[in-house]
């Protein structure tokens, strides 16, 4: 097995090595190559995602990606490297689970999975301005092909994981030519999975229920933008964005990527909790390398560490553990 590691920016340089330690303990034969991407890379080389990094990712077929600092304003020549990498590797399914973790901010009983289409919608990046910059326009693209494959992914995962229901989330009442297409195709695919219940919610209603009663959800199937927003909302019930894992899954390549950002406010202090990237690595092991027993051991070790009250300072406060100490605790709990 081969893994391309991209630490990215900020706390990526601290939490990704922690996850690599966990993987090496369980898979000592793992071959690791390193690539560069992110804002720092862009400032130093003029490229946020060098072609050499894309080549490494495609060759390894498995990627562990840290976090990137992307400005919220236009910078000539810069585009989000993780979005670029998802497109370059055709990792069309973004899987974002939220499960209860033994931390003070989590909610008992929450166990849901957001399956988010990862290659189109507004995130294709087709934006332009006219009227001397006074009018901005973005293209929203939804295709039958992409909708079919993400729907099959959602229903297949529901069946594999013993889940009972897939909820299609859309805004087809306002956007019948795009979200309406997504909804229609999802229902067509659902007929091939008669053992799985299918229902639907408008995205604003889904957001309401995510806040009011997240335990009503099992699997959420949704286009790109809504999946990004709803999965971040859901993460609050799992202990927060800093603990939320994710996996970008394609037919050939998978990219494990924590949901959190580069956290410049705490970067370099050695206090960032590595749970999100460690659990993302476990998802890679489970869904891409198909080694569920190793994934189970990683997830159990994280839960054991948190159950003992082993919290890093970004969770507990000034008296918390360091990133490396928490990684030590995970490694000690591996069975």
C-alpha atoms as a PDB file:
ATOM      1  CA  UNK A   1       0.000   0.000   0.000  1.00  0.00           C
ATOM      2  CA  UNK A   2       1.147   3.501  -0.861  1.00  0.00           C
ATOM      3  CA  UNK A   3       0.039   6.813   0.628  1.00  0.00           C
ATOM      4  CA  UNK A   4       0.611  10.355  -0.621  1.00  0.00           C
ATOM      5  CA  UNK A   5       0.776  12.725   2.362  1.00  0.00           C
ATOM      6  CA  UNK A   6       0.051  16.439   1.869  1.00  0.00           C
ATOM      7  CA  UNK A   7       0.262  18.386   5.118  1.00  0.00           C
ATOM      8  CA  UNK A   8      -0.898  21.696   3.613  1.00  0.00           C
ATOM      9  CA  UNK A   9      -0.883  24.757   5.857  1.00  0.00           C
ATOM     10  CA  UNK A  10      -1.187  25.697   9.529  1.00  0.00           C
ATOM     11  CA  UNK A  11      -2.089  22.859  11.880  1.00  0.00           C
ATOM     12  CA  UNK A  12      -1.824  20.413   8.985  1.00  0.00           C
ATOM     13  CA  UNK A  13       1.902  20.241   9.813  1.00  0.00           C
ATOM     14  CA  UNK A  14       0.988  19.086  13.351  1.00  0.00           C
ATOM     15  CA  UNK A  15      -2.051  16.827  13.021  1.00  0.00           C
ATOM     16  CA  UNK A  16      -1.110  14.947   9.850  1.00  0.00           C
ATOM     17  CA  UNK A  17       2.130  13.513  11.314  1.00  0.00           C
ATOM     18  CA  UNK A  18       0.054  12.250  14.252  1.00  0.00           C
ATOM     19  CA  UNK A  19      -2.205  10.319  11.878  1.00  0.00           C
ATOM     20  CA  UNK A  20       0.816   8.971  10.016  1.00  0.00           C
ATOM     21  CA  UNK A  21       2.144   7.605  13.318  1.00  0.00           C
ATOM     22  CA  UNK A  22      -1.108   5.731  13.900  1.00  0.00           C
ATOM     23  CA  UNK A  23      -1.121   4.267  10.395  1.00  0.00           C
ATOM     24  CA  UNK A  24       2.518   3.193  10.620  1.00  0.00           C
ATOM     25  CA  UNK A  25       1.881   1.364  13.889  1.00  0.00           C
ATOM     26  CA  UNK A  26      -0.878  -0.711  12.318  1.00  0.00           C
ATOM     27  CA  UNK A  27       0.462  -0.940   8.746  1.00  0.00           C
ATOM     28  CA  UNK A  28       4.274  -0.984   9.104  1.00  0.00           C
ATOM     29  CA  UNK A  29       4.770  -1.851   5.436  1.00  0.00           C
ATOM     30  CA  UNK A  30       2.983   1.326   4.315  1.00  0.00           C
ATOM     31  CA  UNK A  31       4.993   3.295   1.726  1.00  0.00           C
ATOM     32  CA  UNK A  32       4.667   7.058   2.123  1.00  0.00           C
ATOM     33  CA  UNK A  33       5.465   9.824  -0.354  1.00  0.00           C
ATOM     34  CA  UNK A  34       5.084  13.531   0.350  1.00  0.00           C
ATOM     35  CA  UNK A  35       3.561  16.228  -1.824  1.00  0.00           C
ATOM     36  CA  UNK A  36       3.059  19.961  -1.394  1.00  0.00           C
ATOM     37  CA  UNK A  37      -0.087  22.066  -1.732  1.00  0.00           C
ATOM     38  CA  UNK A  38      -1.700  25.072  -0.115  1.00  0.00           C
ATOM     39  CA  UNK A  39      -1.343  28.788   0.418  1.00  0.00           C
ATOM     40  CA  UNK A  40       2.275  28.616   1.591  1.00  0.00           C
ATOM     41  CA  UNK A  41       3.122  26.547  -1.467  1.00  0.00           C
ATOM     42  CA  UNK A  42       1.405  29.120  -3.662  1.00  0.00           C
ATOM     43  CA  UNK A  43       3.323  32.011  -2.109  1.00  0.00           C
ATOM     44  CA  UNK A  44       6.632  30.173  -2.515  1.00  0.00           C
ATOM     45  CA  UNK A  45       6.145  28.605  -5.944  1.00  0.00           C
ATOM     46  CA  UNK A  46       3.220  30.400  -7.583  1.00  0.00           C
ATOM     47  CA  UNK A  47       1.236  27.134  -7.595  1.00  0.00           C
ATOM     48  CA  UNK A  48      -1.318  26.076  -4.997  1.00  0.00           C
ATOM     49  CA  UNK A  49      -1.336  22.527  -6.322  1.00  0.00           C
ATOM     50  CA  UNK A  50       1.777  21.638  -8.320  1.00  0.00           C
ATOM     51  CA  UNK A  51       1.481  19.131 -11.164  1.00  0.00           C
ATOM     52  CA  UNK A  52       4.019  16.950  -9.364  1.00  0.00           C
ATOM     53  CA  UNK A  53       1.659  16.629  -6.391  1.00  0.00           C
ATOM     54  CA  UNK A  54      -1.231  15.614  -8.636  1.00  0.00           C
ATOM     55  CA  UNK A  55       1.009  12.978 -10.226  1.00  0.00           C
ATOM     56  CA  UNK A  56       1.990  11.602  -6.804  1.00  0.00           C
ATOM     57  CA  UNK A  57      -1.668  11.432  -5.747  1.00  0.00           C
ATOM     58  CA  UNK A  58      -2.704   9.587  -8.891  1.00  0.00           C
ATOM     59  CA  UNK A  59       0.181   7.150  -8.606  1.00  0.00           C
ATOM     60  CA  UNK A  60      -0.388   6.377  -4.921  1.00  0.00           C
ATOM     61  CA  UNK A  61      -4.205   6.299  -5.357  1.00  0.00           C
ATOM     62  CA  UNK A  62      -4.526   7.143  -1.666  1.00  0.00           C
ATOM     63  CA  UNK A  63      -3.998  10.610  -0.181  1.00  0.00           C
ATOM     64  CA  UNK A  64      -3.935  12.018   3.341  1.00  0.00           C
ATOM     65  CA  UNK A  65      -4.567  15.762   3.040  1.00  0.00           C
ATOM     66  CA  UNK A  66      -4.157  18.147   5.981  1.00  0.00           C
ATOM     67  CA  UNK A  67      -5.610  21.638   5.753  1.00  0.00           C
ATOM     68  CA  UNK A  68      -5.194  24.649   3.500  1.00  0.00           C
ATOM     69  CA  UNK A  69      -5.509  28.376   4.053  1.00  0.00           C
ATOM     70  CA  UNK A  70      -7.645  29.818   1.262  1.00  0.00           C
ATOM     71  CA  UNK A  71      -8.470  33.541   1.253  1.00  0.00           C
ATOM     72  CA  UNK A  72     -12.106  34.613   1.008  1.00  0.00           C
ATOM     73  CA  UNK A  73     -11.301  36.999  -1.819  1.00  0.00           C
ATOM     74  CA  UNK A  74      -9.991  36.583  -5.342  1.00  0.00           C
ATOM     75  CA  UNK A  75      -6.237  36.121  -5.715  1.00  0.00           C
ATOM     76  CA  UNK A  76      -4.922  35.952  -9.270  1.00  0.00           C
ATOM     77  CA  UNK A  77      -3.649  32.462 -10.052  1.00  0.00           C
ATOM     78  CA  UNK A  78      -4.937  30.902  -6.830  1.00  0.00           C
ATOM     79  CA  UNK A  79      -7.705  28.317  -6.545  1.00  0.00           C
ATOM     80  CA  UNK A  80      -8.519  25.983  -3.686  1.00  0.00           C
ATOM     81  CA  UNK A  81      -6.019  23.126  -3.930  1.00  0.00           C
ATOM     82  CA  UNK A  82      -8.307  20.530  -2.360  1.00  0.00           C
ATOM     83  CA  UNK A  83     -11.101  21.360  -4.811  1.00  0.00           C
ATOM     84  CA  UNK A  84      -8.591  21.134  -7.662  1.00  0.00           C
ATOM     85  CA  UNK A  85      -7.298  17.800  -6.394  1.00  0.00           C
ATOM     86  CA  UNK A  86     -10.792  16.354  -6.080  1.00  0.00           C
ATOM     87  CA  UNK A  87     -11.445  17.229  -9.722  1.00  0.00           C
ATOM     88  CA  UNK A  88      -8.040  16.009 -10.922  1.00  0.00           C
ATOM     89  CA  UNK A  89      -8.527  12.622  -9.244  1.00  0.00           C
ATOM     90  CA  UNK A  90     -12.274  12.264  -9.952  1.00  0.00           C
ATOM     91  CA  UNK A  91     -13.051  11.682  -6.283  1.00  0.00           C
ATOM     92  CA  UNK A  92     -16.705  12.337  -6.856  1.00  0.00           C
ATOM     93  CA  UNK A  93     -18.157  11.247  -3.501  1.00  0.00           C
ATOM     94  CA  UNK A  94     -17.522  13.249  -0.338  1.00  0.00           C
ATOM     95  CA  UNK A  95     -18.413  11.175   2.733  1.00  0.00           C
ATOM     96  CA  UNK A  96     -18.868  13.092   5.976  1.00  0.00           C
ATOM     97  CA  UNK A  97     -20.031  11.058   8.972  1.00  0.00           C
ATOM     98  CA  UNK A  98     -21.091  12.544  12.293  1.00  0.00           C
ATOM     99  CA  UNK A  99     -21.139  10.184  15.258  1.00  0.00           C
ATOM    100  CA  UNK A 100     -21.209  10.846  18.958  1.00  0.00           C
ATOM    101  CA  UNK A 101     -17.746  11.237  20.450  1.00  0.00           C
ATOM    102  CA  UNK A 102     -17.116  11.314  24.213  1.00  0.00           C
ATOM    103  CA  UNK A 103     -16.460  15.050  24.438  1.00  0.00           C
ATOM    104  CA  UNK A 104     -18.551  17.646  26.295  1.00  0.00           C
ATOM    105  CA  UNK A 105     -20.011  19.296  23.190  1.00  0.00           C
ATOM    106  CA  UNK A 106     -21.232  16.137  21.416  1.00  0.00           C
ATOM    107  CA  UNK A 107     -24.817  14.840  21.426  1.00  0.00           C
ATOM    108  CA  UNK A 108     -25.760  11.293  22.351  1.00  0.00           C
ATOM    109  CA  UNK A 109     -27.556   9.303  19.666  1.00  0.00           C
ATOM    110  CA  UNK A 110     -26.301  11.173  16.611  1.00  0.00           C
ATOM    111  CA  UNK A 111     -25.058   8.803  13.885  1.00  0.00           C
ATOM    112  CA  UNK A 112     -25.513  10.186  10.399  1.00  0.00           C
ATOM    113  CA  UNK A 113     -23.664  10.233   7.100  1.00  0.00           C
ATOM    114  CA  UNK A 114     -23.744  13.064   4.570  1.00  0.00           C
ATOM    115  CA  UNK A 115     -22.994  11.797   1.048  1.00  0.00           C
ATOM    116  CA  UNK A 116     -22.163  14.887  -0.971  1.00  0.00           C
ATOM    117  CA  UNK A 117     -21.652  15.059  -4.737  1.00  0.00           C
ATOM    118  CA  UNK A 118     -18.144  16.392  -5.115  1.00  0.00           C
ATOM    119  CA  UNK A 119     -17.482  17.444  -8.717  1.00  0.00           C
ATOM    120  CA  UNK A 120     -20.157  19.871  -9.861  1.00  0.00           C
ATOM    121  CA  UNK A 121     -22.901  22.236  -8.661  1.00  0.00           C
ATOM    122  CA  UNK A 122     -21.669  25.804  -8.008  1.00  0.00           C
ATOM    123  CA  UNK A 123     -18.233  24.442  -7.067  1.00  0.00           C
ATOM    124  CA  UNK A 124     -17.178  23.950 -10.684  1.00  0.00           C
ATOM    125  CA  UNK A 125     -15.690  27.434 -10.345  1.00  0.00           C
ATOM    126  CA  UNK A 126     -17.313  28.978 -13.421  1.00  0.00           C
ATOM    127  CA  UNK A 127     -17.612  32.568 -12.142  1.00  0.00           C
ATOM    128  CA  UNK A 128     -17.379  35.880 -13.895  1.00  0.00           C
ATOM    129  CA  UNK A 129     -18.029  39.567 -13.270  1.00  0.00           C
ATOM    130  CA  UNK A 130     -19.489  42.170 -15.602  1.00  0.00           C
ATOM    131  CA  UNK A 131     -20.663  45.763 -15.323  1.00  0.00           C
ATOM    132  CA  UNK A 132     -17.241  46.922 -14.169  1.00  0.00           C
ATOM    133  CA  UNK A 133     -17.272  44.373 -11.385  1.00  0.00           C
ATOM    134  CA  UNK A 134     -20.744  45.286 -10.102  1.00  0.00           C
ATOM    135  CA  UNK A 135     -22.400  42.023 -11.174  1.00  0.00           C
ATOM    136  CA  UNK A 136     -21.106  38.552 -10.385  1.00  0.00           C
ATOM    137  CA  UNK A 137     -22.456  35.380 -11.980  1.00  0.00           C
ATOM    138  CA  UNK A 138     -21.747  31.720 -11.188  1.00  0.00           C
ATOM    139  CA  UNK A 139     -22.815  28.632 -13.135  1.00  0.00           C
ATOM    140  CA  UNK A 140     -24.591  25.811 -11.292  1.00  0.00           C
ATOM    141  CA  UNK A 141     -24.149  22.518 -13.151  1.00  0.00           C
ATOM    142  CA  UNK A 142     -25.967  19.271 -12.334  1.00  0.00           C
ATOM    143  CA  UNK A 143     -25.684  16.268 -14.669  1.00  0.00           C
ATOM    144  CA  UNK A 144     -27.447  12.919 -14.830  1.00  0.00           C
ATOM    145  CA  UNK A 145     -24.119  11.050 -14.838  1.00  0.00           C
ATOM    146  CA  UNK A 146     -22.824  12.647 -11.639  1.00  0.00           C
ATOM    147  CA  UNK A 147     -26.212  12.412  -9.931  1.00  0.00           C
ATOM    148  CA  UNK A 148     -26.523   8.705 -10.733  1.00  0.00           C
ATOM    149  CA  UNK A 149     -23.106   7.737  -9.435  1.00  0.00           C
ATOM    150  CA  UNK A 150     -23.425   9.682  -6.175  1.00  0.00           C
ATOM    151  CA  UNK A 151     -26.906   8.241  -5.613  1.00  0.00           C
ATOM    152  CA  UNK A 152     -25.595   4.713  -6.101  1.00  0.00           C
ATOM    153  CA  UNK A 153     -22.795   5.504  -3.643  1.00  0.00           C
ATOM    154  CA  UNK A 154     -25.252   6.709  -0.993  1.00  0.00           C
ATOM    155  CA  UNK A 155     -27.604   3.744  -1.300  1.00  0.00           C
ATOM    156  CA  UNK A 156     -24.769   1.230  -1.509  1.00  0.00           C
ATOM    157  CA  UNK A 157     -23.170   2.628   1.658  1.00  0.00           C
ATOM    158  CA  UNK A 158     -26.531   2.625   3.426  1.00  0.00           C
ATOM    159  CA  UNK A 159     -26.925  -1.057   2.607  1.00  0.00           C
ATOM    160  CA  UNK A 160     -23.338  -1.950   3.563  1.00  0.00           C
ATOM    161  CA  UNK A 161     -23.560  -0.153   6.902  1.00  0.00           C
ATOM    162  CA  UNK A 162     -27.003  -1.465   7.809  1.00  0.00           C
ATOM    163  CA  UNK A 163     -28.616   1.957   7.649  1.00  0.00           C
ATOM    164  CA  UNK A 164     -32.334   2.216   7.088  1.00  0.00           C
ATOM    165  CA  UNK A 165     -33.034   5.444   5.202  1.00  0.00           C
ATOM    166  CA  UNK A 166     -31.611   7.827   2.595  1.00  0.00           C
ATOM    167  CA  UNK A 167     -32.913  11.404   2.632  1.00  0.00           C
ATOM    168  CA  UNK A 168     -32.551  13.302  -0.646  1.00  0.00           C
ATOM    169  CA  UNK A 169     -31.902  16.995   0.084  1.00  0.00           C
ATOM    170  CA  UNK A 170     -32.427  19.580  -2.660  1.00  0.00           C
ATOM    171  CA  UNK A 171     -34.149  22.849  -3.600  1.00  0.00           C
ATOM    172  CA  UNK A 172     -36.046  21.532  -6.597  1.00  0.00           C
ATOM    173  CA  UNK A 173     -39.055  23.751  -5.940  1.00  0.00           C
ATOM    174  CA  UNK A 174     -36.957  26.818  -6.839  1.00  0.00           C
ATOM    175  CA  UNK A 175     -34.340  25.186  -9.105  1.00  0.00           C
ATOM    176  CA  UNK A 176     -36.289  22.562 -11.097  1.00  0.00           C
ATOM    177  CA  UNK A 177     -33.755  22.259 -13.945  1.00  0.00           C
ATOM    178  CA  UNK A 178     -30.776  21.516 -11.677  1.00  0.00           C
ATOM    179  CA  UNK A 179     -31.864  20.377  -8.224  1.00  0.00           C
ATOM    180  CA  UNK A 180     -34.994  18.963  -9.835  1.00  0.00           C
ATOM    181  CA  UNK A 181     -32.807  16.787 -12.048  1.00  0.00           C
ATOM    182  CA  UNK A 182     -30.776  15.634  -9.047  1.00  0.00           C
ATOM    183  CA  UNK A 183     -33.965  14.719  -7.162  1.00  0.00           C
ATOM    184  CA  UNK A 184     -35.474  12.862 -10.105  1.00  0.00           C
ATOM    185  CA  UNK A 185     -32.345  10.813 -10.784  1.00  0.00           C
ATOM    186  CA  UNK A 186     -31.910   9.992  -7.088  1.00  0.00           C
ATOM    187  CA  UNK A 187     -35.438   8.593  -6.946  1.00  0.00           C
ATOM    188  CA  UNK A 188     -34.798   6.543 -10.108  1.00  0.00           C
ATOM    189  CA  UNK A 189     -31.712   5.002  -8.483  1.00  0.00           C
ATOM    190  CA  UNK A 190     -33.591   4.395  -5.226  1.00  0.00           C
ATOM    191  CA  UNK A 191     -35.837   1.880  -6.992  1.00  0.00           C
ATOM    192  CA  UNK A 192     -32.825  -0.453  -7.257  1.00  0.00           C
ATOM    193  CA  UNK A 193     -32.509  -0.490  -3.452  1.00  0.00           C
ATOM    194  CA  UNK A 194     -35.933  -1.553  -2.271  1.00  0.00           C
ATOM    195  CA  UNK A 195     -34.614  -2.506   1.157  1.00  0.00           C
ATOM    196  CA  UNK A 196     -33.672   1.138   1.880  1.00  0.00           C
ATOM    197  CA  UNK A 197     -36.345   3.692   2.744  1.00  0.00           C
ATOM    198  CA  UNK A 198     -36.165   6.897   0.705  1.00  0.00           C
ATOM    199  CA  UNK A 199     -37.527  10.312   1.598  1.00  0.00           C
ATOM    200  CA  UNK A 200     -36.714  13.923   0.757  1.00  0.00           C
ATOM    201  CA  UNK A 201     -36.400  17.360   2.322  1.00  0.00           C
ATOM    202  CA  UNK A 202     -35.903  20.838   0.926  1.00  0.00           C
ATOM    203  CA  UNK A 203     -32.502  22.079   2.046  1.00  0.00           C
ATOM    204  CA  UNK A 204     -33.881  24.828   4.282  1.00  0.00           C
ATOM    205  CA  UNK A 205     -36.137  22.312   6.027  1.00  0.00           C
ATOM    206  CA  UNK A 206     -33.209  19.910   6.358  1.00  0.00           C
ATOM    207  CA  UNK A 207     -31.179  22.686   7.998  1.00  0.00           C
ATOM    208  CA  UNK A 208     -34.008  23.255  10.466  1.00  0.00           C
ATOM    209  CA  UNK A 209     -34.115  19.582  11.418  1.00  0.00           C
ATOM    210  CA  UNK A 210     -30.326  19.379  11.621  1.00  0.00           C
ATOM    211  CA  UNK A 211     -30.492  21.990  14.360  1.00  0.00           C
ATOM    212  CA  UNK A 212     -33.683  20.762  16.044  1.00  0.00           C
ATOM    213  CA  UNK A 213     -33.339  16.975  15.917  1.00  0.00           C
ATOM    214  CA  UNK A 214     -30.263  15.586  14.131  1.00  0.00           C
ATOM    215  CA  UNK A 215     -31.037  12.026  15.253  1.00  0.00           C
ATOM    216  CA  UNK A 216     -33.824  11.877  12.631  1.00  0.00           C
ATOM    217  CA  UNK A 217     -31.159  11.600   9.897  1.00  0.00           C
ATOM    218  CA  UNK A 218     -29.431   8.431   8.750  1.00  0.00           C
ATOM    219  CA  UNK A 219     -27.930   9.043   5.277  1.00  0.00           C
ATOM    220  CA  UNK A 220     -28.265  12.413   3.556  1.00  0.00           C
ATOM    221  CA  UNK A 221     -27.790  12.466  -0.236  1.00  0.00           C
ATOM    222  CA  UNK A 222     -27.255  15.962  -1.614  1.00  0.00           C
ATOM    223  CA  UNK A 223     -25.523  18.129  -4.218  1.00  0.00           C
ATOM    224  CA  UNK A 224     -22.180  19.742  -3.504  1.00  0.00           C
ATOM    225  CA  UNK A 225     -23.021  23.095  -1.893  1.00  0.00           C
ATOM    226  CA  UNK A 226     -25.787  21.861   0.401  1.00  0.00           C
ATOM    227  CA  UNK A 227     -23.644  18.918   1.483  1.00  0.00           C
ATOM    228  CA  UNK A 228     -20.826  21.245   2.443  1.00  0.00           C
ATOM    229  CA  UNK A 229     -23.109  23.370   4.620  1.00  0.00           C
ATOM    230  CA  UNK A 230     -25.188  20.582   6.188  1.00  0.00           C
ATOM    231  CA  UNK A 231     -22.156  18.454   7.071  1.00  0.00           C
ATOM    232  CA  UNK A 232     -20.562  21.409   8.856  1.00  0.00           C
ATOM    233  CA  UNK A 233     -23.804  21.917  10.786  1.00  0.00           C
ATOM    234  CA  UNK A 234     -23.890  18.238  11.674  1.00  0.00           C
ATOM    235  CA  UNK A 235     -20.302  18.369  12.924  1.00  0.00           C
ATOM    236  CA  UNK A 236     -21.452  20.496  15.857  1.00  0.00           C
ATOM    237  CA  UNK A 237     -23.250  17.435  17.233  1.00  0.00           C
ATOM    238  CA  UNK A 238     -20.099  15.293  16.947  1.00  0.00           C
ATOM    239  CA  UNK A 239     -17.958  17.610  19.024  1.00  0.00           C
ATOM    240  CA  UNK A 240     -17.222  20.355  16.490  1.00  0.00           C
ATOM    241  CA  UNK A 241     -15.493  20.920  13.170  1.00  0.00           C
ATOM    242  CA  UNK A 242     -12.104  20.249  14.740  1.00  0.00           C
ATOM    243  CA  UNK A 243     -13.084  16.598  15.283  1.00  0.00           C
ATOM    244  CA  UNK A 244     -14.964  15.938  12.032  1.00  0.00           C
ATOM    245  CA  UNK A 245     -13.519  13.470   9.487  1.00  0.00           C
ATOM    246  CA  UNK A 246     -14.197  13.159   5.766  1.00  0.00           C
ATOM    247  CA  UNK A 247     -13.244  11.044   2.787  1.00  0.00           C
ATOM    248  CA  UNK A 248     -13.293  11.943  -0.901  1.00  0.00           C
ATOM    249  CA  UNK A 249     -13.909   8.672  -2.728  1.00  0.00           C
ATOM    250  CA  UNK A 250     -13.583   7.897  -6.421  1.00  0.00           C
ATOM    251  CA  UNK A 251     -13.315   4.791  -8.565  1.00  0.00           C
ATOM    252  CA  UNK A 252      -9.500   4.819  -8.454  1.00  0.00           C
ATOM    253  CA  UNK A 253      -8.350   7.396  -5.881  1.00  0.00           C
ATOM    254  CA  UNK A 254      -9.405   8.305  -2.343  1.00  0.00           C
ATOM    255  CA  UNK A 255      -8.457  11.440  -0.398  1.00  0.00           C
ATOM    256  CA  UNK A 256      -8.781  11.427   3.388  1.00  0.00           C
ATOM    257  CA  UNK A 257      -9.321  15.009   4.488  1.00  0.00           C
ATOM    258  CA  UNK A 258     -10.442  16.405   7.849  1.00  0.00           C
ATOM    259  CA  UNK A 259     -13.250  18.939   7.674  1.00  0.00           C
ATOM    260  CA  UNK A 260     -11.429  21.571   9.742  1.00  0.00           C
ATOM    261  CA  UNK A 261      -9.328  24.370   8.295  1.00  0.00           C
ATOM    262  CA  UNK A 262      -5.731  25.371   8.885  1.00  0.00           C
ATOM    263  CA  UNK A 263      -6.590  27.143  12.189  1.00  0.00           C
ATOM    264  CA  UNK A 264      -3.964  29.905  11.977  1.00  0.00           C
ATOM    265  CA  UNK A 265      -4.943  31.126  15.449  1.00  0.00           C
ATOM    266  CA  UNK A 266      -3.430  28.009  17.069  1.00  0.00           C
ATOM    267  CA  UNK A 267      -1.019  26.819  14.367  1.00  0.00           C
ATOM    268  CA  UNK A 268       2.485  26.142  15.625  1.00  0.00           C
ATOM    269  CA  UNK A 269       1.428  25.811  19.267  1.00  0.00           C
ATOM    270  CA  UNK A 270       1.211  22.020  19.267  1.00  0.00           C
ATOM    271  CA  UNK A 271      -2.275  21.959  20.813  1.00  0.00           C
ATOM    272  CA  UNK A 272      -4.483  21.030  17.833  1.00  0.00           C
ATOM    273  CA  UNK A 273      -6.452  17.836  18.291  1.00  0.00           C
ATOM    274  CA  UNK A 274      -5.626  15.265  15.568  1.00  0.00           C
ATOM    275  CA  UNK A 275      -8.883  13.312  15.945  1.00  0.00           C
ATOM    276  CA  UNK A 276     -10.369  14.540  12.651  1.00  0.00           C
ATOM    277  CA  UNK A 277      -7.401  13.560  10.520  1.00  0.00           C
ATOM    278  CA  UNK A 278      -6.923  10.239  12.368  1.00  0.00           C
ATOM    279  CA  UNK A 279     -10.587   9.326  11.822  1.00  0.00           C
ATOM    280  CA  UNK A 280     -10.299  10.459   8.189  1.00  0.00           C
ATOM    281  CA  UNK A 281      -7.381   8.059   7.817  1.00  0.00           C
ATOM    282  CA  UNK A 282      -9.570   5.317   9.315  1.00  0.00           C
ATOM    283  CA  UNK A 283     -12.187   6.047   6.639  1.00  0.00           C
ATOM    284  CA  UNK A 284      -9.494   5.658   3.979  1.00  0.00           C
ATOM    285  CA  UNK A 285      -8.496   2.313   5.474  1.00  0.00           C
ATOM    286  CA  UNK A 286     -12.125   1.144   5.589  1.00  0.00           C
ATOM    287  CA  UNK A 287     -13.545   2.351   2.282  1.00  0.00           C
ATOM    288  CA  UNK A 288     -10.501   2.426  -0.015  1.00  0.00           C
ATOM    289  CA  UNK A 289      -8.111  -0.219   1.287  1.00  0.00           C
ATOM    290  CA  UNK A 290     -11.038  -2.360   2.486  1.00  0.00           C
ATOM    291  CA  UNK A 291      -9.480  -3.275   5.823  1.00  0.00           C
ATOM    292  CA  UNK A 292     -12.377  -2.755   8.243  1.00  0.00           C
ATOM    293  CA  UNK A 293     -10.658  -4.503  11.131  1.00  0.00           C
ATOM    294  CA  UNK A 294      -7.825  -1.946  11.097  1.00  0.00           C
ATOM    295  CA  UNK A 295     -10.304   0.929  10.760  1.00  0.00           C
ATOM    296  CA  UNK A 296     -12.226  -0.427  13.755  1.00  0.00           C
ATOM    297  CA  UNK A 297      -9.034  -0.460  15.828  1.00  0.00           C
ATOM    298  CA  UNK A 298      -8.233   3.149  14.962  1.00  0.00           C
ATOM    299  CA  UNK A 299     -11.746   4.374  15.773  1.00  0.00           C
ATOM    300  CA  UNK A 300     -11.839   2.402  19.038  1.00  0.00           C
ATOM    301  CA  UNK A 301      -8.463   3.832  20.081  1.00  0.00           C
ATOM    302  CA  UNK A 302      -9.646   7.406  19.478  1.00  0.00           C
ATOM    303  CA  UNK A 303     -12.815   6.788  21.485  1.00  0.00           C
ATOM    304  CA  UNK A 304     -10.817   5.182  24.291  1.00  0.00           C
ATOM    305  CA  UNK A 305      -8.481   8.167  24.495  1.00  0.00           C
ATOM    306  CA  UNK A 306     -11.343  10.662  24.587  1.00  0.00           C
ATOM    307  CA  UNK A 307     -13.310   8.532  27.060  1.00  0.00           C
ATOM    308  CA  UNK A 308     -10.397   8.788  29.500  1.00  0.00           C
ATOM    309  CA  UNK A 309     -10.613  12.558  29.294  1.00  0.00           C
ATOM    310  CA  UNK A 310      -7.454  12.861  27.233  1.00  0.00           C
ATOM    311  CA  UNK A 311      -8.234  16.206  25.644  1.00  0.00           C
ATOM    312  CA  UNK A 312      -5.885  18.564  23.873  1.00  0.00           C
ATOM    313  CA  UNK A 313      -5.726  22.197  24.901  1.00  0.00           C
ATOM    314  CA  UNK A 314      -7.932  23.331  22.012  1.00  0.00           C
ATOM    315  CA  UNK A 315     -10.755  21.286  23.613  1.00  0.00           C
ATOM    316  CA  UNK A 316     -10.008  21.443  27.322  1.00  0.00           C
ATOM    317  CA  UNK A 317      -8.191  24.724  27.708  1.00  0.00           C
ATOM    318  CA  UNK A 318      -4.805  25.638  29.106  1.00  0.00           C
ATOM    319  CA  UNK A 319      -4.346  22.349  31.004  1.00  0.00           C
ATOM    320  CA  UNK A 320      -4.948  20.062  28.051  1.00  0.00           C
ATOM    321  CA  UNK A 321      -2.564  17.674  26.347  1.00  0.00           C
ATOM    322  CA  UNK A 322      -0.384  18.515  23.376  1.00  0.00           C
ATOM    323  CA  UNK A 323      -1.013  17.132  19.887  1.00  0.00           C
ATOM    324  CA  UNK A 324       1.826  14.644  20.291  1.00  0.00           C
ATOM    325  CA  UNK A 325       0.643  13.530  23.737  1.00  0.00           C
ATOM    326  CA  UNK A 326      -2.823  12.841  22.378  1.00  0.00           C
ATOM    327  CA  UNK A 327      -1.295  10.868  19.509  1.00  0.00           C
ATOM    328  CA  UNK A 328       0.635   8.881  22.149  1.00  0.00           C
ATOM    329  CA  UNK A 329      -2.658   8.106  23.891  1.00  0.00           C
ATOM    330  CA  UNK A 330      -4.234   6.853  20.654  1.00  0.00           C
ATOM    331  CA  UNK A 331      -1.240   4.641  19.912  1.00  0.00           C
ATOM    332  CA  UNK A 332      -1.317   3.197  23.429  1.00  0.00           C
ATOM    333  CA  UNK A 333      -4.990   2.300  22.985  1.00  0.00           C
ATOM    334  CA  UNK A 334      -4.533   0.463  19.694  1.00  0.00           C
ATOM    335  CA  UNK A 335      -5.485  -3.176  20.250  1.00  0.00           C
END
